[in-house]
Amino acid sequence: MNSCYSRDELLSLGFRGLGDDIRLSRKASVYGADKITIGSHVRIDDFCVLSAGKGGIVFGDYIHLAVYSSIIGAGAVTLEDFVNISARVGIYSSNDDYSGSAMTNPMVPSQYTNVQIADILICRHSIIGCGSIILPGVTVGEGVAIGALSLVKHDCIAFGMYSGVPARRLRERKKDFCELESRFRSELNRQCQQG
């Protein structure tokens, strides 16, 4: 048996939208597939959890979600093209109130909780390092690199390298990948015209 779902199997799961060349591990867990759109050339590894709430989850093209990573919550989560999510990353578009002024956990009726719900946007060419956490309401700008084991609670400005708890901007990131993307897309266009 193949370790990834076939195209027909993916269609039967009821996703909102599917591109081409999707490699979704049979060992990943998917909840709310009807609220999840997966672009083309996307790989989602073993033991990942996709749990889409009202806002849904949108994957662009050329994305990798490594083992044990999760995208969970009621808010919208968007991963733009060429995003790389390393192992054991947690992306949360909703979060309990830890202050003690409300009850916590999804089994408690909402009138007794104070869940924060806010959309997350991870922009093109961003990479999130192993074990990092992205909290509700964060925008990770284009080309941002987040170091391993970081806690991202605030927006990250484009082309920065961030790390720490909480994550802080350390320095500017090179932009060579922008030129490489242009060459890559030119090659794809050339192949399409020839084929």
Foldseek 3Di string as FASTA:
>chain_A
DDQFDDPVRLVVVQACEEAADEGEGPQEAEAPRPQEYAHEQEYEDHQEYEHEACQGEYEEYNEYAEANEYEDEHHYEYEYPQEYEYYQEYEYQKDWDPPPCADDDPVDDPVRTDIHGAYEYEDALEYEEANEYEYHPEYEAHNEYEYHNEYDDYYHYHQFYWYDDPIDTDGGHDDVVVVVVVVVVVVVVVVVVVD
